[in-house]
Amino acid sequence: MTKPLRIKLILFCLVLAAGLAFALYAWIALSVSYSEGERAGYLQKFSKRGWICKTWEGELLLTSMPGAIPEKFEFSVRDPLVAEQLTAATGKRVLISYAQHKGVPTQCFGETEYYAERVQLQQP
C-alpha cells in the first residue's frame, strides 16, 4: 500500500470514528433523561422555528396564585402528534409532561433542554 493511500485511509477512519462517536453521544443524550415532570399553565406561544433545523418550540405561562407574575417555561417538541395537539391548544390551559435532557449536542433537536412528551387540555 502506498503512503498517500495509507494516509487517506487513516484520515477516513478517523472521520468515520468521530462521526460515530458524535452519533452515539447524541443518541445517549436524547435517550437518557436527567429529570421528568409535569407543568401546568397557559400555552402562550408555540411555533416551528430555526434557520437550518426547524424545531417546534413553545412557551407556557405558569401561574401559582391569582395576581402573581407568571413564570415562563420554555420547551421543545420532537413528536409531530404532540406538536399538532399543542398547535390546537394555543391560548388554552394545558398540562405538559416533559423530560429534561442535558447535554444535547446541537439545537437541531430542540432549542431547550425540556422536551414535551404528552399534553392534556385542562379546564380553567
N, C-alpha and C. Protein backbone atom coordinates (compact mmCIF):
# COMPACT_ATOMS: atom_id res chain seq x y z
N MET A 1 0.85 -1.17 0.00
CA MET A 1 0.00 0.00 0.00
C MET A 1 0.90 1.24 0.00
N THR A 2 0.58 2.19 -0.87
CA THR A 2 1.40 3.39 -0.96
C THR A 2 1.12 4.32 0.20
N LYS A 3 2.08 5.18 0.48
CA LYS A 3 1.97 6.09 1.62
C LYS A 3 0.78 7.06 1.49
N PRO A 4 0.52 7.72 0.33
CA PRO A 4 -0.63 8.61 0.22
C PRO A 4 -1.96 7.87 0.42
N LEU A 5 -2.05 6.64 -0.08
CA LEU A 5 -3.27 5.86 0.09
C LEU A 5 -3.48 5.49 1.56
N ARG A 6 -2.38 5.17 2.26
CA ARG A 6 -2.47 4.83 3.67
C ARG A 6 -2.92 6.04 4.50
N ILE A 7 -2.40 7.22 4.17
CA ILE A 7 -2.79 8.44 4.88
C ILE A 7 -4.27 8.74 4.66
N LYS A 8 -4.75 8.57 3.43
CA LYS A 8 -6.17 8.80 3.14
C LYS A 8 -7.05 7.81 3.89
N LEU A 9 -6.62 6.57 3.97
CA LEU A 9 -7.37 5.55 4.70
C LEU A 9 -7.42 5.87 6.19
N ILE A 10 -6.31 6.30 6.76
CA ILE A 10 -6.28 6.67 8.18
C ILE A 10 -7.18 7.87 8.44
N LEU A 11 -7.12 8.88 7.58
CA LEU A 11 -7.98 10.06 7.74
C LEU A 11 -9.46 9.67 7.63
N PHE A 12 -9.78 8.81 6.69
CA PHE A 12 -11.16 8.36 6.52
C PHE A 12 -11.63 7.65 7.78
N CYS A 13 -10.80 6.77 8.33
CA CYS A 13 -11.17 6.04 9.54
C CYS A 13 -11.35 6.99 10.73
N LEU A 14 -10.50 8.02 10.84
CA LEU A 14 -10.64 8.99 11.92
C LEU A 14 -11.94 9.79 11.80
N VAL A 15 -12.27 10.22 10.59
CA VAL A 15 -13.51 10.97 10.36
C VAL A 15 -14.72 10.08 10.65
N LEU A 16 -14.66 8.83 10.21
CA LEU A 16 -15.74 7.89 10.47
C LEU A 16 -15.91 7.64 11.97
N ALA A 17 -14.80 7.46 12.67
CA ALA A 17 -14.86 7.24 14.12
C ALA A 17 -15.43 8.46 14.84
N ALA A 18 -15.04 9.66 14.41
CA ALA A 18 -15.58 10.88 15.03
C ALA A 18 -17.08 11.00 14.77
N GLY A 19 -17.52 10.68 13.56
CA GLY A 19 -18.94 10.73 13.24
C GLY A 19 -19.74 9.72 14.05
N LEU A 20 -19.20 8.52 14.20
CA LEU A 20 -19.89 7.50 15.01
C LEU A 20 -19.92 7.89 16.49
N ALA A 21 -18.85 8.48 16.98
CA ALA A 21 -18.82 8.93 18.38
C ALA A 21 -19.86 10.04 18.62
N PHE A 22 -19.97 10.97 17.67
CA PHE A 22 -20.96 12.04 17.78
C PHE A 22 -22.38 11.46 17.75
N ALA A 23 -22.65 10.53 16.84
CA ALA A 23 -23.97 9.91 16.75
C ALA A 23 -24.32 9.15 18.02
N LEU A 24 -23.36 8.43 18.59
CA LEU A 24 -23.59 7.70 19.83
C LEU A 24 -23.87 8.66 20.98
N TYR A 25 -23.10 9.74 21.07
CA TYR A 25 -23.31 10.73 22.13
C TYR A 25 -24.70 11.38 22.00
N ALA A 26 -25.09 11.74 20.78
CA ALA A 26 -26.41 12.36 20.57
C ALA A 26 -27.52 11.38 20.94
N TRP A 27 -27.36 10.12 20.57
CA TRP A 27 -28.38 9.12 20.89
C TRP A 27 -28.51 8.95 22.41
N ILE A 28 -27.39 8.90 23.11
CA ILE A 28 -27.42 8.76 24.57
C ILE A 28 -28.05 10.00 25.21
N ALA A 29 -27.68 11.19 24.75
CA ALA A 29 -28.22 12.43 25.33
C ALA A 29 -29.73 12.53 25.13
N LEU A 30 -30.24 12.01 24.01
CA LEU A 30 -31.67 12.08 23.75
C LEU A 30 -32.44 10.90 24.35
N SER A 31 -31.75 9.84 24.71
CA SER A 31 -32.42 8.65 25.25
C SER A 31 -32.51 8.67 26.77
N VAL A 32 -31.51 9.22 27.42
CA VAL A 32 -31.46 9.21 28.88
C VAL A 32 -31.89 10.58 29.39
N SER A 33 -32.94 10.59 30.22
CA SER A 33 -33.41 11.88 30.73
C SER A 33 -32.83 12.14 32.11
N TYR A 34 -32.51 13.41 32.34
CA TYR A 34 -31.98 13.86 33.61
C TYR A 34 -33.10 13.95 34.64
N SER A 35 -34.25 14.48 34.21
CA SER A 35 -35.41 14.56 35.08
C SER A 35 -36.67 14.51 34.24
N GLU A 36 -37.77 14.18 34.89
CA GLU A 36 -39.07 14.14 34.24
C GLU A 36 -40.07 14.83 35.15
N GLY A 37 -41.11 15.39 34.56
CA GLY A 37 -42.10 16.06 35.39
C GLY A 37 -43.26 16.58 34.57
N GLU A 38 -44.09 17.38 35.22
CA GLU A 38 -45.26 17.98 34.58
C GLU A 38 -45.32 19.46 34.94
N ARG A 39 -45.79 20.22 34.00
CA ARG A 39 -46.01 21.66 34.22
C ARG A 39 -47.39 21.99 33.68
N ALA A 40 -48.11 22.82 34.41
CA ALA A 40 -49.44 23.25 34.00
C ALA A 40 -49.45 24.76 33.86
N GLY A 41 -50.12 25.24 32.85
CA GLY A 41 -50.22 26.67 32.63
C GLY A 41 -50.90 26.97 31.31
N TYR A 42 -50.83 28.21 30.91
CA TYR A 42 -51.45 28.65 29.66
C TYR A 42 -50.41 28.66 28.55
N LEU A 43 -50.74 28.00 27.45
CA LEU A 43 -49.83 27.94 26.32
C LEU A 43 -49.87 29.28 25.60
N GLN A 44 -48.82 30.07 25.79
CA GLN A 44 -48.79 31.42 25.24
C GLN A 44 -48.29 31.43 23.81
N LYS A 45 -47.26 30.63 23.54
CA LYS A 45 -46.62 30.69 22.22
C LYS A 45 -46.20 29.29 21.82
N PHE A 46 -46.44 28.95 20.55
CA PHE A 46 -45.99 27.67 20.02
C PHE A 46 -45.73 27.85 18.53
N SER A 47 -44.50 27.59 18.11
CA SER A 47 -44.16 27.81 16.70
C SER A 47 -43.03 26.89 16.27
N LYS A 48 -42.93 26.73 14.96
CA LYS A 48 -41.83 25.96 14.37
C LYS A 48 -40.83 26.98 13.88
N ARG A 49 -39.59 26.90 14.38
CA ARG A 49 -38.63 27.93 14.02
C ARG A 49 -37.22 27.35 13.90
N GLY A 50 -36.35 28.15 13.31
CA GLY A 50 -34.96 27.77 13.12
C GLY A 50 -34.50 28.11 11.72
N TRP A 51 -33.21 28.41 11.56
CA TRP A 51 -32.67 28.75 10.24
C TRP A 51 -32.48 27.51 9.40
N ILE A 52 -31.77 26.55 9.92
CA ILE A 52 -31.48 25.33 9.15
C ILE A 52 -32.34 24.18 9.66
N CYS A 53 -32.29 23.94 10.95
CA CYS A 53 -33.07 22.86 11.56
C CYS A 53 -34.34 23.46 12.16
N LYS A 54 -35.47 23.16 11.57
CA LYS A 54 -36.75 23.65 12.08
C LYS A 54 -37.22 22.77 13.23
N THR A 55 -37.43 23.39 14.39
CA THR A 55 -37.91 22.65 15.57
C THR A 55 -39.14 23.34 16.13
N TRP A 56 -39.99 22.56 16.79
CA TRP A 56 -41.17 23.10 17.46
C TRP A 56 -40.76 23.59 18.84
N GLU A 57 -41.06 24.87 19.12
CA GLU A 57 -40.71 25.49 20.39
C GLU A 57 -41.95 26.15 20.99
N GLY A 58 -42.11 26.02 22.30
CA GLY A 58 -43.28 26.58 22.96
C GLY A 58 -42.93 27.29 24.24
N GLU A 59 -43.91 28.06 24.71
CA GLU A 59 -43.75 28.82 25.95
C GLU A 59 -45.03 28.71 26.74
N LEU A 60 -44.90 28.27 27.97
CA LEU A 60 -46.03 28.07 28.86
C LEU A 60 -45.94 29.09 29.98
N LEU A 61 -47.05 29.76 30.28
CA LEU A 61 -47.09 30.71 31.41
C LEU A 61 -47.62 29.98 32.63
N LEU A 62 -46.78 29.86 33.64
CA LEU A 62 -47.15 29.18 34.87
C LEU A 62 -47.63 30.20 35.88
N THR A 63 -48.80 29.99 36.42
CA THR A 63 -49.31 30.90 37.45
C THR A 63 -49.51 30.10 38.73
N SER A 64 -48.89 30.58 39.81
CA SER A 64 -49.02 29.87 41.08
C SER A 64 -50.20 30.40 41.89
N MET A 65 -50.42 31.71 41.82
CA MET A 65 -51.52 32.31 42.56
C MET A 65 -52.13 33.41 41.69
N PRO A 66 -53.44 33.65 41.83
CA PRO A 66 -54.05 34.75 41.07
C PRO A 66 -53.39 36.08 41.42
N GLY A 67 -53.06 36.85 40.41
CA GLY A 67 -52.44 38.16 40.60
C GLY A 67 -50.92 38.11 40.63
N ALA A 68 -50.34 36.92 40.71
CA ALA A 68 -48.87 36.80 40.74
C ALA A 68 -48.32 36.91 39.32
N ILE A 69 -47.10 37.36 39.22
CA ILE A 69 -46.45 37.46 37.91
C ILE A 69 -46.14 36.04 37.45
N PRO A 70 -46.63 35.66 36.24
CA PRO A 70 -46.41 34.29 35.79
C PRO A 70 -44.95 34.03 35.41
N GLU A 71 -44.52 32.82 35.69
CA GLU A 71 -43.19 32.36 35.29
C GLU A 71 -43.31 31.69 33.93
N LYS A 72 -42.29 31.86 33.09
CA LYS A 72 -42.32 31.23 31.76
C LYS A 72 -41.57 29.91 31.80
N PHE A 73 -42.14 28.93 31.12
CA PHE A 73 -41.49 27.63 30.95
C PHE A 73 -41.36 27.38 29.46
N GLU A 74 -40.13 27.37 28.97
CA GLU A 74 -39.89 27.16 27.54
C GLU A 74 -39.55 25.70 27.32
N PHE A 75 -40.08 25.13 26.23
CA PHE A 75 -39.89 23.72 25.95
C PHE A 75 -39.83 23.48 24.44
N SER A 76 -39.34 22.30 24.08
CA SER A 76 -39.25 21.87 22.69
C SER A 76 -40.11 20.63 22.52
N VAL A 77 -40.49 20.36 21.27
CA VAL A 77 -41.31 19.19 20.97
C VAL A 77 -40.68 18.45 19.79
N ARG A 78 -40.49 17.15 19.95
CA ARG A 78 -39.94 16.33 18.87
C ARG A 78 -41.01 15.48 18.19
N ASP A 79 -42.09 15.17 18.89
CA ASP A 79 -43.15 14.30 18.38
C ASP A 79 -44.17 15.11 17.59
N PRO A 80 -44.38 14.79 16.30
CA PRO A 80 -45.35 15.56 15.48
C PRO A 80 -46.78 15.51 16.01
N LEU A 81 -47.18 14.41 16.64
CA LEU A 81 -48.53 14.31 17.20
C LEU A 81 -48.71 15.28 18.36
N VAL A 82 -47.72 15.37 19.23
CA VAL A 82 -47.77 16.32 20.35
C VAL A 82 -47.76 17.75 19.81
N ALA A 83 -46.97 18.01 18.78
CA ALA A 83 -46.93 19.35 18.17
C ALA A 83 -48.29 19.72 17.60
N GLU A 84 -48.97 18.78 16.99
CA GLU A 84 -50.31 19.03 16.45
C GLU A 84 -51.30 19.35 17.56
N GLN A 85 -51.23 18.61 18.67
CA GLN A 85 -52.12 18.86 19.81
C GLN A 85 -51.85 20.23 20.42
N LEU A 86 -50.59 20.60 20.53
CA LEU A 86 -50.25 21.90 21.11
C LEU A 86 -50.65 23.04 20.19
N THR A 87 -50.54 22.86 18.90
CA THR A 87 -50.97 23.90 17.96
C THR A 87 -52.45 24.20 18.15
N ALA A 88 -53.25 23.16 18.36
CA ALA A 88 -54.69 23.35 18.58
C ALA A 88 -55.00 23.94 19.95
N ALA A 89 -54.07 23.84 20.89
CA ALA A 89 -54.32 24.29 22.26
C ALA A 89 -53.74 25.66 22.58
N THR A 90 -53.22 26.38 21.61
CA THR A 90 -52.62 27.69 21.87
C THR A 90 -53.63 28.61 22.54
N GLY A 91 -53.21 29.23 23.65
CA GLY A 91 -54.08 30.13 24.39
C GLY A 91 -54.90 29.44 25.46
N LYS A 92 -54.86 28.13 25.52
CA LYS A 92 -55.66 27.37 26.50
C LYS A 92 -54.76 26.86 27.63
N ARG A 93 -55.41 26.43 28.71
CA ARG A 93 -54.68 25.86 29.85
C ARG A 93 -54.38 24.40 29.54
N VAL A 94 -53.11 24.02 29.69
CA VAL A 94 -52.69 22.65 29.37
C VAL A 94 -51.79 22.10 30.47
N LEU A 95 -51.67 20.79 30.50
CA LEU A 95 -50.75 20.08 31.37
C LEU A 95 -49.75 19.37 30.46
N ILE A 96 -48.48 19.71 30.61
CA ILE A 96 -47.45 19.15 29.75
C ILE A 96 -46.57 18.21 30.58
N SER A 97 -46.41 16.98 30.11
CA SER A 97 -45.46 16.04 30.70
C SER A 97 -44.18 16.17 29.89
N TYR A 98 -43.06 16.33 30.58
CA TYR A 98 -41.81 16.59 29.87
C TYR A 98 -40.67 15.75 30.44
N ALA A 99 -39.60 15.67 29.65
CA ALA A 99 -38.35 15.05 30.09
C ALA A 99 -37.24 16.06 29.83
N GLN A 100 -36.33 16.17 30.78
CA GLN A 100 -35.20 17.09 30.64
C GLN A 100 -33.98 16.29 30.18
N HIS A 101 -33.39 16.73 29.07
CA HIS A 101 -32.21 16.08 28.51
C HIS A 101 -31.07 17.08 28.50
N LYS A 102 -30.09 16.87 29.36
CA LYS A 102 -28.94 17.78 29.43
C LYS A 102 -27.87 17.32 28.44
N GLY A 103 -27.17 18.29 27.85
CA GLY A 103 -26.03 17.97 27.00
C GLY A 103 -26.36 17.55 25.59
N VAL A 104 -27.56 17.87 25.10
CA VAL A 104 -27.89 17.54 23.71
C VAL A 104 -26.96 18.36 22.82
N PRO A 105 -26.27 17.72 21.86
CA PRO A 105 -25.16 18.38 21.17
C PRO A 105 -25.50 19.56 20.26
N THR A 106 -26.64 19.59 19.63
CA THR A 106 -26.96 20.71 18.74
C THR A 106 -28.39 21.17 18.98
N GLN A 107 -28.74 22.33 18.42
CA GLN A 107 -30.10 22.82 18.51
C GLN A 107 -31.00 22.22 17.44
N CYS A 108 -30.49 21.31 16.64
CA CYS A 108 -31.31 20.65 15.64
C CYS A 108 -32.33 19.70 16.27
N PHE A 109 -32.14 19.36 17.55
CA PHE A 109 -33.09 18.51 18.25
C PHE A 109 -34.06 19.34 19.09
N GLY A 110 -33.80 20.62 19.25
CA GLY A 110 -34.63 21.50 20.04
C GLY A 110 -33.77 22.57 20.69
N GLU A 111 -34.35 23.75 20.88
CA GLU A 111 -33.58 24.87 21.44
C GLU A 111 -33.46 24.82 22.96
N THR A 112 -34.32 24.05 23.61
CA THR A 112 -34.27 23.96 25.07
C THR A 112 -33.86 22.55 25.48
N GLU A 113 -33.66 22.36 26.78
CA GLU A 113 -33.34 21.02 27.26
C GLU A 113 -34.58 20.30 27.78
N TYR A 114 -35.75 20.95 27.68
CA TYR A 114 -37.02 20.35 28.11
C TYR A 114 -37.81 19.92 26.88
N TYR A 115 -38.18 18.64 26.82
CA TYR A 115 -38.89 18.09 25.67
C TYR A 115 -40.26 17.60 26.10
N ALA A 116 -41.31 18.21 25.56
CA ALA A 116 -42.68 17.81 25.88
C ALA A 116 -42.96 16.46 25.25
N GLU A 117 -43.50 15.55 26.05
CA GLU A 117 -43.80 14.20 25.57
C GLU A 117 -45.29 13.93 25.48
N ARG A 118 -46.08 14.57 26.33
CA ARG A 118 -47.54 14.42 26.32
C ARG A 118 -48.18 15.75 26.69
N VAL A 119 -49.40 15.94 26.22
CA VAL A 119 -50.14 17.17 26.55
C VAL A 119 -51.59 16.82 26.81
N GLN A 120 -52.17 17.48 27.82
CA GLN A 120 -53.58 17.32 28.15
C GLN A 120 -54.20 18.70 28.32
N LEU A 121 -55.39 18.88 27.74
CA LEU A 121 -56.13 20.12 27.97
C LEU A 121 -56.72 20.10 29.36
N GLN A 122 -56.72 21.26 30.04
CA GLN A 122 -57.28 21.36 31.38
C GLN A 122 -58.39 22.39 31.38
N GLN A 123 -59.29 22.20 32.31
CA GLN A 123 -60.35 23.18 32.50
C GLN A 123 -59.81 24.31 33.36
N PRO A 124 -60.10 25.59 33.02
CA PRO A 124 -59.57 26.71 33.81
C PRO A 124 -60.11 26.78 35.21
